[in-house]
Amino acid sequence: MENQIRIALVDDHLLVRNGIKSLLEEEQDIQVIAEGSNGYEAIDIVNNLHPDLLIIDVRMPEMSGIEAVGKLQGLSSNTKAIVLSMHDSEEYILKSIKAGASGYLLKDTDKKEFIKAIRTVNDGGKYFSGDISNVIVDNYLQKTTSTKKSESLIYETDPFGLTKKEKQILSLILSGKTNSEISEILSNSKRTIETHRFNMMKKMNVKNLMELSSKAVEYGLN
């Protein structure tokens, strides 16, 4: 049949391979053309037969599925890869994506989703089962939340929105430097330093050096 999706199955468990073949045998547009039991065999199959899709177990002896997928990048083949696993481990998922996998499915995925994943990846898309997508989204949200917390801490430390120059001047003021001395250190005119100092004190809502020092200590700007 023309336009069949030619698949290579690589898993170190024969029962798993037989189960997948049984799952796919009724699909007229899908054909399993080769089988293997480790990453080295997967590479040989891709080199020799150039299947459209490699469905490969994440953990196998000799060479893991993730390692094999990573090596596909260096082969003169357009074979795409779907990694199969018993685990929805964030580590495995992200390593698989980094290696170049176009999909990641759990071994308890039902037939409908399995077929959908194969066709999606074969058409150039990406496919991660619902559970896997949730792990990826959670990982992204955790990183985003962490970044926001870091930004929040920075803001809490400096709620006045001081510029880099103003912070430099503040540090020098707190070390006892006069406007003239600061002018020489920063290679700016005394008038420029006075202007920055005025703007900084206005932002911090202070009227004199004592209030400035006190507020700088309070907000950890000293």
N, C-alpha and C. Protein backbone atom coordinates (compact mmCIF):
# COMPACT_ATOMS: atom_id res chain seq x y z
N MET A 1 0.84 -1.21 0.00
CA MET A 1 0.00 0.00 0.00
C MET A 1 0.87 1.25 0.00
N GLU A 2 0.53 2.24 -0.85
CA GLU A 2 1.31 3.45 -0.93
C GLU A 2 1.09 4.33 0.30
N ASN A 3 2.10 5.18 0.60
CA ASN A 3 2.02 6.13 1.70
C ASN A 3 1.82 5.49 3.07
N GLN A 4 2.32 4.27 3.20
CA GLN A 4 2.27 3.64 4.51
C GLN A 4 3.31 4.28 5.43
N ILE A 5 2.97 4.32 6.72
CA ILE A 5 3.92 4.80 7.71
C ILE A 5 4.76 3.61 8.13
N ARG A 6 6.03 3.63 7.78
CA ARG A 6 6.93 2.50 8.05
C ARG A 6 7.57 2.68 9.42
N ILE A 7 7.31 1.70 10.28
CA ILE A 7 7.71 1.83 11.68
C ILE A 7 8.74 0.79 12.09
N ALA A 8 9.70 1.23 12.89
CA ALA A 8 10.65 0.32 13.54
C ALA A 8 10.32 0.32 15.03
N LEU A 9 10.19 -0.88 15.60
CA LEU A 9 9.89 -1.04 17.02
C LEU A 9 11.14 -1.50 17.75
N VAL A 10 11.53 -0.78 18.78
CA VAL A 10 12.71 -1.19 19.54
C VAL A 10 12.37 -1.19 21.03
N ASP A 11 12.38 -2.39 21.59
CA ASP A 11 12.10 -2.57 23.03
C ASP A 11 12.74 -3.89 23.43
N ASP A 12 13.33 -3.93 24.61
CA ASP A 12 14.02 -5.16 24.99
C ASP A 12 13.06 -6.25 25.48
N HIS A 13 11.77 -5.95 25.52
CA HIS A 13 10.79 -6.97 25.91
C HIS A 13 9.97 -7.40 24.69
N LEU A 14 10.08 -8.66 24.35
CA LEU A 14 9.36 -9.20 23.19
C LEU A 14 7.85 -9.05 23.36
N LEU A 15 7.35 -9.25 24.57
CA LEU A 15 5.92 -9.13 24.81
C LEU A 15 5.41 -7.73 24.49
N VAL A 16 6.21 -6.73 24.82
CA VAL A 16 5.82 -5.35 24.54
C VAL A 16 5.76 -5.12 23.03
N ARG A 17 6.78 -5.62 22.33
CA ARG A 17 6.80 -5.45 20.86
C ARG A 17 5.61 -6.16 20.23
N ASN A 18 5.33 -7.35 20.70
CA ASN A 18 4.19 -8.09 20.15
C ASN A 18 2.87 -7.37 20.44
N GLY A 19 2.80 -6.77 21.62
CA GLY A 19 1.58 -6.04 21.99
C GLY A 19 1.37 -4.83 21.10
N ILE A 20 2.44 -4.12 20.80
CA ILE A 20 2.34 -2.94 19.93
C ILE A 20 1.99 -3.36 18.50
N LYS A 21 2.62 -4.42 18.03
CA LYS A 21 2.30 -4.91 16.67
C LYS A 21 0.83 -5.31 16.58
N SER A 22 0.33 -5.95 17.63
CA SER A 22 -1.07 -6.34 17.66
C SER A 22 -1.98 -5.11 17.62
N LEU A 23 -1.52 -4.07 18.29
CA LEU A 23 -2.27 -2.82 18.35
C LEU A 23 -2.37 -2.16 16.98
N LEU A 24 -1.32 -2.34 16.18
CA LEU A 24 -1.22 -1.63 14.91
C LEU A 24 -1.67 -2.44 13.69
N GLU A 25 -1.83 -3.74 13.87
CA GLU A 25 -2.03 -4.61 12.70
C GLU A 25 -3.28 -4.32 11.90
N GLU A 26 -4.30 -3.72 12.51
CA GLU A 26 -5.54 -3.43 11.79
C GLU A 26 -5.48 -2.10 11.02
N GLU A 27 -4.40 -1.35 11.24
CA GLU A 27 -4.28 -0.05 10.57
C GLU A 27 -3.64 -0.23 9.21
N GLN A 28 -4.40 0.07 8.15
CA GLN A 28 -3.94 -0.17 6.79
C GLN A 28 -2.78 0.75 6.37
N ASP A 29 -2.66 1.90 7.04
CA ASP A 29 -1.63 2.86 6.64
C ASP A 29 -0.37 2.77 7.51
N ILE A 30 -0.31 1.74 8.36
CA ILE A 30 0.84 1.60 9.26
C ILE A 30 1.44 0.20 9.10
N GLN A 31 2.75 0.13 8.96
CA GLN A 31 3.43 -1.16 8.81
C GLN A 31 4.69 -1.21 9.67
N VAL A 32 4.81 -2.25 10.49
CA VAL A 32 6.02 -2.46 11.28
C VAL A 32 7.01 -3.19 10.39
N ILE A 33 8.12 -2.54 10.04
CA ILE A 33 9.07 -3.13 9.09
C ILE A 33 10.29 -3.75 9.77
N ALA A 34 10.50 -3.43 11.06
CA ALA A 34 11.69 -3.97 11.73
C ALA A 34 11.53 -3.88 13.24
N GLU A 35 12.28 -4.76 13.93
CA GLU A 35 12.26 -4.77 15.39
C GLU A 35 13.69 -4.84 15.93
N GLY A 36 13.87 -4.31 17.13
CA GLY A 36 15.17 -4.38 17.78
C GLY A 36 14.98 -4.42 19.29
N SER A 37 16.08 -4.71 20.00
CA SER A 37 15.97 -4.85 21.45
C SER A 37 16.90 -3.92 22.23
N ASN A 38 17.65 -3.07 21.52
CA ASN A 38 18.48 -2.08 22.23
C ASN A 38 18.82 -0.92 21.29
N GLY A 39 19.46 0.09 21.85
CA GLY A 39 19.75 1.29 21.09
C GLY A 39 20.65 1.07 19.90
N TYR A 40 21.62 0.16 20.03
CA TYR A 40 22.53 -0.13 18.91
C TYR A 40 21.76 -0.70 17.72
N GLU A 41 20.84 -1.61 18.02
CA GLU A 41 20.03 -2.20 16.95
C GLU A 41 19.14 -1.13 16.31
N ALA A 42 18.66 -0.20 17.12
CA ALA A 42 17.83 0.90 16.59
C ALA A 42 18.62 1.71 15.57
N ILE A 43 19.88 2.02 15.90
CA ILE A 43 20.73 2.79 14.98
C ILE A 43 20.96 2.02 13.68
N ASP A 44 21.21 0.71 13.79
CA ASP A 44 21.43 -0.12 12.60
C ASP A 44 20.20 -0.12 11.71
N ILE A 45 19.04 -0.26 12.34
CA ILE A 45 17.78 -0.30 11.58
C ILE A 45 17.56 1.02 10.83
N VAL A 46 17.77 2.11 11.53
CA VAL A 46 17.58 3.43 10.90
C VAL A 46 18.57 3.63 9.76
N ASN A 47 19.82 3.22 9.98
CA ASN A 47 20.84 3.36 8.94
C ASN A 47 20.52 2.56 7.69
N ASN A 48 20.01 1.35 7.90
CA ASN A 48 19.80 0.42 6.77
C ASN A 48 18.43 0.53 6.12
N LEU A 49 17.39 0.77 6.93
CA LEU A 49 16.03 0.72 6.40
C LEU A 49 15.32 2.08 6.33
N HIS A 50 15.86 3.06 7.02
CA HIS A 50 15.28 4.41 7.01
C HIS A 50 13.77 4.42 7.23
N PRO A 51 13.32 3.90 8.35
CA PRO A 51 11.87 3.92 8.63
C PRO A 51 11.38 5.35 8.81
N ASP A 52 10.09 5.54 8.64
CA ASP A 52 9.52 6.88 8.85
C ASP A 52 9.52 7.22 10.33
N LEU A 53 9.31 6.19 11.14
CA LEU A 53 9.14 6.44 12.57
C LEU A 53 9.80 5.34 13.40
N LEU A 54 10.50 5.77 14.43
CA LEU A 54 11.12 4.85 15.38
C LEU A 54 10.36 4.95 16.70
N ILE A 55 9.79 3.85 17.12
CA ILE A 55 9.12 3.81 18.43
C ILE A 55 10.05 3.03 19.35
N ILE A 56 10.58 3.70 20.37
CA ILE A 56 11.66 3.12 21.14
C ILE A 56 11.47 3.27 22.65
N ASP A 57 11.81 2.21 23.36
CA ASP A 57 11.71 2.19 24.82
C ASP A 57 12.77 3.11 25.41
N VAL A 58 12.43 3.77 26.50
CA VAL A 58 13.37 4.72 27.11
C VAL A 58 14.53 4.01 27.79
N ARG A 59 14.27 2.85 28.42
CA ARG A 59 15.33 2.15 29.16
C ARG A 59 15.57 0.77 28.58
N MET A 60 16.79 0.56 28.13
CA MET A 60 17.17 -0.74 27.56
C MET A 60 18.64 -1.00 27.87
N PRO A 61 19.06 -2.27 27.80
CA PRO A 61 20.47 -2.57 28.03
C PRO A 61 21.35 -2.08 26.87
N GLU A 62 22.62 -1.89 27.14
CA GLU A 62 23.64 -1.51 26.16
C GLU A 62 23.56 -0.05 25.70
N MET A 63 22.41 0.36 25.19
CA MET A 63 22.21 1.77 24.84
C MET A 63 20.74 2.12 25.04
N SER A 64 20.49 3.16 25.81
CA SER A 64 19.11 3.53 26.11
C SER A 64 18.42 4.15 24.89
N GLY A 65 17.11 4.23 24.98
CA GLY A 65 16.35 4.84 23.90
C GLY A 65 16.69 6.30 23.71
N ILE A 66 16.90 7.02 24.81
CA ILE A 66 17.22 8.44 24.73
C ILE A 66 18.56 8.65 24.03
N GLU A 67 19.54 7.80 24.36
CA GLU A 67 20.85 7.90 23.69
C GLU A 67 20.71 7.65 22.20
N ALA A 68 19.93 6.63 21.86
CA ALA A 68 19.74 6.29 20.44
C ALA A 68 19.07 7.43 19.69
N VAL A 69 18.04 8.02 20.30
CA VAL A 69 17.34 9.14 19.66
C VAL A 69 18.30 10.30 19.43
N GLY A 70 19.17 10.54 20.41
CA GLY A 70 20.16 11.61 20.27
C GLY A 70 21.09 11.38 19.10
N LYS A 71 21.40 10.13 18.81
CA LYS A 71 22.32 9.81 17.71
C LYS A 71 21.64 9.89 16.34
N LEU A 72 20.32 9.91 16.33
CA LEU A 72 19.61 10.01 15.05
C LEU A 72 19.94 11.32 14.34
N GLN A 73 20.25 12.35 15.15
CA GLN A 73 20.54 13.67 14.58
C GLN A 73 21.73 13.61 13.62
N GLY A 74 22.67 12.69 13.91
CA GLY A 74 23.87 12.61 13.08
C GLY A 74 23.75 11.66 11.90
N LEU A 75 22.61 11.03 11.75
CA LEU A 75 22.42 10.09 10.65
C LEU A 75 21.73 10.77 9.47
N SER A 76 22.02 10.29 8.28
CA SER A 76 21.38 10.85 7.08
C SER A 76 20.02 10.20 6.92
N SER A 77 19.15 10.49 7.86
CA SER A 77 17.82 9.89 7.83
C SER A 77 16.79 10.88 8.35
N ASN A 78 15.60 10.80 7.82
CA ASN A 78 14.51 11.67 8.28
C ASN A 78 13.62 10.96 9.29
N THR A 79 14.11 9.87 9.84
CA THR A 79 13.33 9.11 10.81
C THR A 79 13.02 9.93 12.05
N LYS A 80 11.74 9.97 12.39
CA LYS A 80 11.31 10.67 13.60
C LYS A 80 11.18 9.64 14.73
N ALA A 81 11.16 10.11 15.97
CA ALA A 81 11.15 9.18 17.09
C ALA A 81 10.06 9.50 18.11
N ILE A 82 9.44 8.42 18.58
CA ILE A 82 8.53 8.50 19.73
C ILE A 82 9.13 7.63 20.82
N VAL A 83 9.33 8.20 21.98
CA VAL A 83 9.88 7.45 23.12
C VAL A 83 8.74 6.87 23.93
N LEU A 84 8.88 5.59 24.27
CA LEU A 84 7.90 4.89 25.10
C LEU A 84 8.45 4.67 26.49
N SER A 85 7.61 4.81 27.50
CA SER A 85 8.10 4.59 28.86
C SER A 85 6.98 4.17 29.80
N MET A 86 7.37 3.52 30.87
CA MET A 86 6.44 3.21 31.95
C MET A 86 6.33 4.41 32.89
N HIS A 87 7.22 5.37 32.74
CA HIS A 87 7.35 6.44 33.73
C HIS A 87 7.02 7.81 33.15
N ASP A 88 6.27 8.61 33.93
CA ASP A 88 6.02 9.99 33.52
C ASP A 88 7.02 10.90 34.24
N SER A 89 8.24 10.39 34.36
CA SER A 89 9.31 11.13 35.03
C SER A 89 9.67 12.38 34.25
N GLU A 90 9.69 13.51 34.94
CA GLU A 90 10.05 14.78 34.30
C GLU A 90 11.45 14.68 33.68
N GLU A 91 12.35 13.99 34.38
CA GLU A 91 13.73 13.86 33.90
C GLU A 91 13.77 13.15 32.56
N TYR A 92 13.08 12.01 32.44
CA TYR A 92 13.06 11.26 31.18
C TYR A 92 12.41 12.07 30.06
N ILE A 93 11.31 12.74 30.40
CA ILE A 93 10.58 13.50 29.38
C ILE A 93 11.45 14.60 28.79
N LEU A 94 12.04 15.39 29.67
CA LEU A 94 12.84 16.52 29.21
C LEU A 94 14.11 16.07 28.49
N LYS A 95 14.71 14.96 28.96
CA LYS A 95 15.90 14.43 28.27
C LYS A 95 15.52 13.94 26.88
N SER A 96 14.36 13.33 26.75
CA SER A 96 13.89 12.83 25.45
C SER A 96 13.67 13.98 24.48
N ILE A 97 13.04 15.04 24.97
CA ILE A 97 12.79 16.21 24.14
C ILE A 97 14.11 16.82 23.70
N LYS A 98 15.03 16.94 24.65
CA LYS A 98 16.34 17.52 24.34
C LYS A 98 17.09 16.68 23.31
N ALA A 99 16.93 15.35 23.40
CA ALA A 99 17.62 14.45 22.46
C ALA A 99 17.04 14.56 21.05
N GLY A 100 15.80 15.06 20.96
CA GLY A 100 15.21 15.24 19.64
C GLY A 100 13.95 14.42 19.38
N ALA A 101 13.41 13.78 20.41
CA ALA A 101 12.19 13.00 20.24
C ALA A 101 11.02 13.91 19.86
N SER A 102 10.17 13.40 18.99
CA SER A 102 8.99 14.16 18.57
C SER A 102 7.76 13.79 19.39
N GLY A 103 7.91 12.75 20.21
CA GLY A 103 6.79 12.34 21.03
C GLY A 103 7.26 11.52 22.22
N TYR A 104 6.41 11.45 23.23
CA TYR A 104 6.70 10.66 24.42
C TYR A 104 5.37 10.10 24.90
N LEU A 105 5.28 8.77 24.94
CA LEU A 105 4.04 8.11 25.34
C LEU A 105 4.29 7.13 26.48
N LEU A 106 3.29 7.02 27.33
CA LEU A 106 3.36 6.00 28.38
C LEU A 106 2.88 4.67 27.80
N LYS A 107 3.41 3.58 28.34
CA LYS A 107 3.09 2.27 27.78
C LYS A 107 1.65 1.85 28.04
N ASP A 108 0.96 2.54 28.95
CA ASP A 108 -0.45 2.20 29.17
C ASP A 108 -1.38 3.09 28.34
N THR A 109 -0.81 3.80 27.36
CA THR A 109 -1.61 4.62 26.45
C THR A 109 -2.58 3.73 25.66
N ASP A 110 -3.81 4.18 25.48
CA ASP A 110 -4.78 3.35 24.76
C ASP A 110 -4.53 3.41 23.25
N LYS A 111 -5.17 2.51 22.53
CA LYS A 111 -4.93 2.36 21.09
C LYS A 111 -5.24 3.64 20.32
N LYS A 112 -6.34 4.28 20.65
CA LYS A 112 -6.75 5.49 19.92
C LYS A 112 -5.67 6.57 20.01
N GLU A 113 -5.15 6.78 21.21
CA GLU A 113 -4.13 7.81 21.38
C GLU A 113 -2.81 7.40 20.73
N PHE A 114 -2.49 6.11 20.81
CA PHE A 114 -1.25 5.60 20.21
C PHE A 114 -1.24 5.87 18.71
N ILE A 115 -2.35 5.54 18.06
CA ILE A 115 -2.47 5.74 16.60
C ILE A 115 -2.41 7.24 16.27
N LYS A 116 -3.09 8.03 17.08
CA LYS A 116 -3.09 9.48 16.87
C LYS A 116 -1.67 10.04 16.98
N ALA A 117 -0.91 9.56 17.95
CA ALA A 117 0.46 10.02 18.14
C ALA A 117 1.32 9.68 16.93
N ILE A 118 1.19 8.46 16.43
CA ILE A 118 1.96 8.02 15.27
C ILE A 118 1.68 8.90 14.06
N ARG A 119 0.42 9.14 13.78
CA ARG A 119 0.06 9.94 12.61
C ARG A 119 0.46 11.40 12.77
N THR A 120 0.33 11.91 13.98
CA THR A 120 0.71 13.31 14.24
C THR A 120 2.21 13.52 14.02
N VAL A 121 3.01 12.63 14.59
CA VAL A 121 4.46 12.75 14.47
C VAL A 121 4.90 12.51 13.03
N ASN A 122 4.29 11.54 12.38
CA ASN A 122 4.64 11.27 10.97
C ASN A 122 4.36 12.48 10.09
N ASP A 123 3.33 13.25 10.43
CA ASP A 123 2.97 14.44 9.65
C ASP A 123 3.81 15.66 10.03
N GLY A 124 4.80 15.45 10.91
CA GLY A 124 5.69 16.54 11.26
C GLY A 124 5.37 17.26 12.56
N GLY A 125 4.37 16.75 13.28
CA GLY A 125 4.00 17.38 14.53
C GLY A 125 4.69 16.78 15.73
N LYS A 126 4.31 17.24 16.91
CA LYS A 126 4.81 16.71 18.17
C LYS A 126 3.63 16.10 18.92
N TYR A 127 3.92 15.05 19.68
CA TYR A 127 2.81 14.47 20.45
C TYR A 127 3.29 13.96 21.80
N PHE A 128 2.64 14.47 22.83
CA PHE A 128 2.89 14.03 24.20
C PHE A 128 1.54 13.74 24.82
N SER A 129 1.40 12.58 25.43
CA SER A 129 0.11 12.19 25.98
C SER A 129 -0.33 13.19 27.04
N GLY A 130 -1.62 13.17 27.36
CA GLY A 130 -2.17 14.12 28.32
C GLY A 130 -1.38 14.21 29.61
N ASP A 131 -1.06 13.06 30.18
CA ASP A 131 -0.31 13.05 31.43
C ASP A 131 1.06 13.67 31.26
N ILE A 132 1.71 13.37 30.13
CA ILE A 132 3.04 13.91 29.86
C ILE A 132 2.96 15.42 29.67
N SER A 133 1.93 15.88 28.94
CA SER A 133 1.76 17.31 28.72
C SER A 133 1.62 18.04 30.05
N ASN A 134 0.90 17.41 30.98
CA ASN A 134 0.73 18.03 32.30
C ASN A 134 2.06 18.18 33.02
N VAL A 135 2.93 17.17 32.90
CA VAL A 135 4.24 17.23 33.54
C VAL A 135 5.05 18.38 32.95
N ILE A 136 5.02 18.49 31.61
CA ILE A 136 5.77 19.56 30.94
C ILE A 136 5.23 20.93 31.35
N VAL A 137 3.90 21.07 31.38
CA VAL A 137 3.29 22.34 31.77
C VAL A 137 3.63 22.68 33.22
N ASP A 138 3.55 21.67 34.10
CA ASP A 138 3.88 21.90 35.51
C ASP A 138 5.32 22.36 35.66
N ASN A 139 6.21 21.72 34.89
CA ASN A 139 7.63 22.10 34.94
C ASN A 139 7.80 23.56 34.50
N TYR A 140 7.09 23.93 33.44
CA TYR A 140 7.18 25.31 32.95
C TYR A 140 6.63 26.29 33.98
N LEU A 141 5.49 25.95 34.58
CA LEU A 141 4.88 26.83 35.57
C LEU A 141 5.75 26.99 36.80
N GLN A 142 6.39 25.91 37.22
CA GLN A 142 7.27 25.98 38.37
C GLN A 142 8.44 26.92 38.10
N LYS A 143 9.01 26.83 36.89
CA LYS A 143 10.12 27.70 36.53
C LYS A 143 9.67 29.15 36.46
N THR A 144 8.44 29.36 35.89
CA THR A 144 7.91 30.71 35.79
C THR A 144 7.66 31.31 37.17
N THR A 145 7.09 30.48 38.06
CA THR A 145 6.82 30.93 39.42
C THR A 145 8.11 31.28 40.14
N SER A 146 9.12 30.42 39.94
CA SER A 146 10.42 30.65 40.56
C SER A 146 11.03 31.97 40.08
N THR A 147 10.90 32.23 38.77
CA THR A 147 11.42 33.47 38.19
C THR A 147 10.70 34.67 38.76
N LYS A 148 9.36 34.54 38.88
CA LYS A 148 8.57 35.65 39.42
C LYS A 148 8.94 35.92 40.87
N LYS A 149 9.20 34.84 41.62
CA LYS A 149 9.59 35.01 43.01
C LYS A 149 10.91 35.74 43.10
N SER A 150 11.85 35.38 42.21
CA SER A 150 13.15 36.04 42.20
C SER A 150 12.99 37.51 41.87
N GLU A 151 12.13 37.80 40.87
CA GLU A 151 11.89 39.19 40.49
C GLU A 151 11.24 39.94 41.64
N SER A 152 10.34 39.23 42.35
CA SER A 152 9.66 39.84 43.48
C SER A 152 10.65 40.21 44.58
N LEU A 153 11.59 39.30 44.84
CA LEU A 153 12.60 39.55 45.86
C LEU A 153 13.45 40.76 45.50
N ILE A 154 13.79 40.86 44.21
CA ILE A 154 14.57 42.00 43.76
C ILE A 154 13.78 43.29 43.95
N TYR A 155 12.49 43.20 43.63
CA TYR A 155 11.65 44.39 43.76
C TYR A 155 11.50 44.79 45.22
N GLU A 156 11.31 43.76 46.09
CA GLU A 156 11.17 44.05 47.50
C GLU A 156 12.42 44.70 48.06
N THR A 157 13.58 44.29 47.52
CA THR A 157 14.83 44.87 47.97
C THR A 157 14.96 46.31 47.50
N ASP A 158 14.45 46.60 46.29
CA ASP A 158 14.50 47.95 45.75
C ASP A 158 13.14 48.34 45.19
N PRO A 159 12.22 48.75 46.05
CA PRO A 159 10.86 49.09 45.59
C PRO A 159 10.78 50.49 44.98
N PHE A 160 11.93 51.19 44.91
CA PHE A 160 11.91 52.58 44.46
C PHE A 160 12.21 52.73 42.97
N GLY A 161 12.64 51.65 42.33
CA GLY A 161 12.95 51.72 40.90
C GLY A 161 14.15 52.57 40.59
N LEU A 162 15.19 52.46 41.43
CA LEU A 162 16.40 53.24 41.20
C LEU A 162 17.13 52.75 39.95
N THR A 163 17.72 53.68 39.23
CA THR A 163 18.52 53.30 38.07
C THR A 163 19.89 52.78 38.54
N LYS A 164 20.61 52.18 37.61
CA LYS A 164 21.94 51.67 37.95
C LYS A 164 22.84 52.80 38.44
N LYS A 165 22.76 53.96 37.76
CA LYS A 165 23.58 55.11 38.15
C LYS A 165 23.20 55.61 39.54
N GLU A 166 21.89 55.64 39.81
CA GLU A 166 21.44 56.11 41.12
C GLU A 166 21.91 55.18 42.24
N LYS A 167 21.93 53.88 41.95
CA LYS A 167 22.40 52.92 42.95
C LYS A 167 23.90 53.11 43.20
N GLN A 168 24.65 53.40 42.14
CA GLN A 168 26.08 53.66 42.30
C GLN A 168 26.30 54.88 43.19
N ILE A 169 25.54 55.93 42.91
CA ILE A 169 25.67 57.16 43.69
C ILE A 169 25.25 56.93 45.13
N LEU A 170 24.16 56.19 45.34
CA LEU A 170 23.71 55.88 46.70
C LEU A 170 24.80 55.17 47.48
N SER A 171 25.42 54.17 46.84
CA SER A 171 26.48 53.41 47.51
C SER A 171 27.64 54.32 47.92
N LEU A 172 27.99 55.25 47.04
CA LEU A 172 29.10 56.17 47.33
C LEU A 172 28.72 57.18 48.41
N ILE A 173 27.47 57.63 48.38
CA ILE A 173 26.99 58.55 49.42
C ILE A 173 27.06 57.88 50.80
N LEU A 174 26.60 56.63 50.84
CA LEU A 174 26.58 55.91 52.10
C LEU A 174 27.99 55.58 52.60
N SER A 175 28.96 55.60 51.69
CA SER A 175 30.35 55.36 52.11
C SER A 175 31.04 56.64 52.55
N GLY A 176 30.27 57.77 52.52
CA GLY A 176 30.79 59.03 53.02
C GLY A 176 31.36 59.96 51.97
N LYS A 177 31.17 59.65 50.69
CA LYS A 177 31.72 60.48 49.63
C LYS A 177 30.86 61.74 49.40
N THR A 178 31.51 62.85 49.07
CA THR A 178 30.80 64.07 48.74
C THR A 178 30.44 64.06 47.25
N ASN A 179 29.59 65.03 46.86
CA ASN A 179 29.22 65.12 45.45
C ASN A 179 30.45 65.31 44.56
N SER A 180 31.39 66.10 45.01
CA SER A 180 32.59 66.36 44.21
C SER A 180 33.41 65.08 44.05
N GLU A 181 33.55 64.33 45.14
CA GLU A 181 34.32 63.07 45.08
C GLU A 181 33.62 62.06 44.18
N ILE A 182 32.30 61.99 44.29
CA ILE A 182 31.52 61.07 43.45
C ILE A 182 31.67 61.46 41.99
N SER A 183 31.68 62.77 41.73
CA SER A 183 31.84 63.28 40.37
C SER A 183 33.15 62.79 39.75
N GLU A 184 34.21 62.81 40.53
CA GLU A 184 35.51 62.36 40.04
C GLU A 184 35.53 60.85 39.83
N ILE A 185 34.96 60.11 40.78
CA ILE A 185 34.96 58.65 40.70
C ILE A 185 34.18 58.15 39.49
N LEU A 186 33.03 58.77 39.22
CA LEU A 186 32.17 58.30 38.13
C LEU A 186 32.41 59.05 36.82
N SER A 187 33.35 59.99 36.85
CA SER A 187 33.68 60.78 35.64
C SER A 187 32.45 61.50 35.09
N ASN A 188 31.65 62.06 36.00
CA ASN A 188 30.49 62.87 35.62
C ASN A 188 30.66 64.26 36.23
N SER A 189 29.97 65.21 35.67
CA SER A 189 30.03 66.56 36.25
C SER A 189 29.33 66.58 37.59
N LYS A 190 29.74 67.53 38.42
CA LYS A 190 29.11 67.66 39.73
C LYS A 190 27.62 67.93 39.59
N ARG A 191 27.26 68.71 38.59
CA ARG A 191 25.84 69.03 38.34
C ARG A 191 25.05 67.77 38.02
N THR A 192 25.66 66.87 37.22
CA THR A 192 24.98 65.60 36.88
C THR A 192 24.76 64.76 38.13
N ILE A 193 25.77 64.69 38.99
CA ILE A 193 25.66 63.93 40.22
C ILE A 193 24.56 64.51 41.12
N GLU A 194 24.51 65.83 41.19
CA GLU A 194 23.49 66.49 42.01
C GLU A 194 22.10 66.18 41.50
N THR A 195 21.96 66.15 40.16
CA THR A 195 20.65 65.85 39.56
C THR A 195 20.24 64.42 39.88
N HIS A 196 21.17 63.47 39.70
CA HIS A 196 20.88 62.06 40.03
C HIS A 196 20.52 61.92 41.51
N ARG A 197 21.26 62.62 42.35
CA ARG A 197 21.03 62.53 43.80
C ARG A 197 19.65 63.07 44.16
N PHE A 198 19.27 64.18 43.53
CA PHE A 198 17.95 64.77 43.78
C PHE A 198 16.84 63.80 43.36
N ASN A 199 16.99 63.22 42.15
CA ASN A 199 15.97 62.28 41.65
C ASN A 199 15.87 61.04 42.54
N MET A 200 17.01 60.55 42.99
CA MET A 200 17.06 59.36 43.84
C MET A 200 16.35 59.63 45.17
N MET A 201 16.65 60.75 45.79
CA MET A 201 16.05 61.08 47.08
C MET A 201 14.55 61.32 46.94
N LYS A 202 14.14 61.86 45.78
CA LYS A 202 12.71 62.06 45.53
C LYS A 202 12.00 60.71 45.42
N LYS A 203 12.62 59.77 44.70
CA LYS A 203 12.04 58.42 44.56
C LYS A 203 11.91 57.73 45.91
N MET A 204 12.91 57.93 46.75
CA MET A 204 12.93 57.27 48.06
C MET A 204 12.16 58.06 49.13
N ASN A 205 11.67 59.25 48.72
CA ASN A 205 10.88 60.10 49.61
C ASN A 205 11.63 60.43 50.90
N VAL A 206 12.87 60.88 50.75
CA VAL A 206 13.68 61.31 51.90
C VAL A 206 14.16 62.74 51.66
N LYS A 207 14.45 63.45 52.78
CA LYS A 207 14.79 64.87 52.66
C LYS A 207 16.24 65.16 53.01
N ASN A 208 16.90 64.21 53.68
CA ASN A 208 18.28 64.48 54.08
C ASN A 208 19.07 63.19 54.16
N LEU A 209 20.35 63.31 54.44
CA LEU A 209 21.26 62.15 54.46
C LEU A 209 20.88 61.14 55.53
N MET A 210 20.40 61.64 56.68
CA MET A 210 20.02 60.74 57.76
C MET A 210 18.85 59.85 57.35
N GLU A 211 17.83 60.46 56.73
CA GLU A 211 16.67 59.69 56.28
C GLU A 211 17.08 58.73 55.16
N LEU A 212 17.97 59.21 54.29
CA LEU A 212 18.46 58.37 53.19
C LEU A 212 19.16 57.13 53.72
N SER A 213 20.05 57.30 54.67
CA SER A 213 20.79 56.19 55.26
C SER A 213 19.85 55.20 55.94
N SER A 214 18.88 55.75 56.70
CA SER A 214 17.95 54.91 57.43
C SER A 214 17.11 54.05 56.47
N LYS A 215 16.61 54.67 55.40
CA LYS A 215 15.76 53.93 54.44
C LYS A 215 16.60 52.92 53.65
N ALA A 216 17.84 53.27 53.32
CA ALA A 216 18.71 52.34 52.59
C ALA A 216 18.95 51.08 53.40
N VAL A 217 19.17 51.25 54.72
CA VAL A 217 19.38 50.11 55.61
C VAL A 217 18.10 49.28 55.71
N GLU A 218 16.97 49.96 55.83
CA GLU A 218 15.68 49.28 55.98
C GLU A 218 15.39 48.36 54.79
N TYR A 219 15.74 48.81 53.58
CA TYR A 219 15.44 48.05 52.38
C TYR A 219 16.65 47.30 51.82
N GLY A 220 17.70 47.21 52.61
CA GLY A 220 18.86 46.42 52.19
C GLY A 220 19.61 47.01 51.03
N LEU A 221 19.58 48.34 50.86
CA LEU A 221 20.26 48.99 49.75
C LEU A 221 21.64 49.49 50.13
N ASN A 222 22.01 49.23 51.38
CA ASN A 222 23.31 49.74 51.84
C ASN A 222 24.43 48.78 51.49
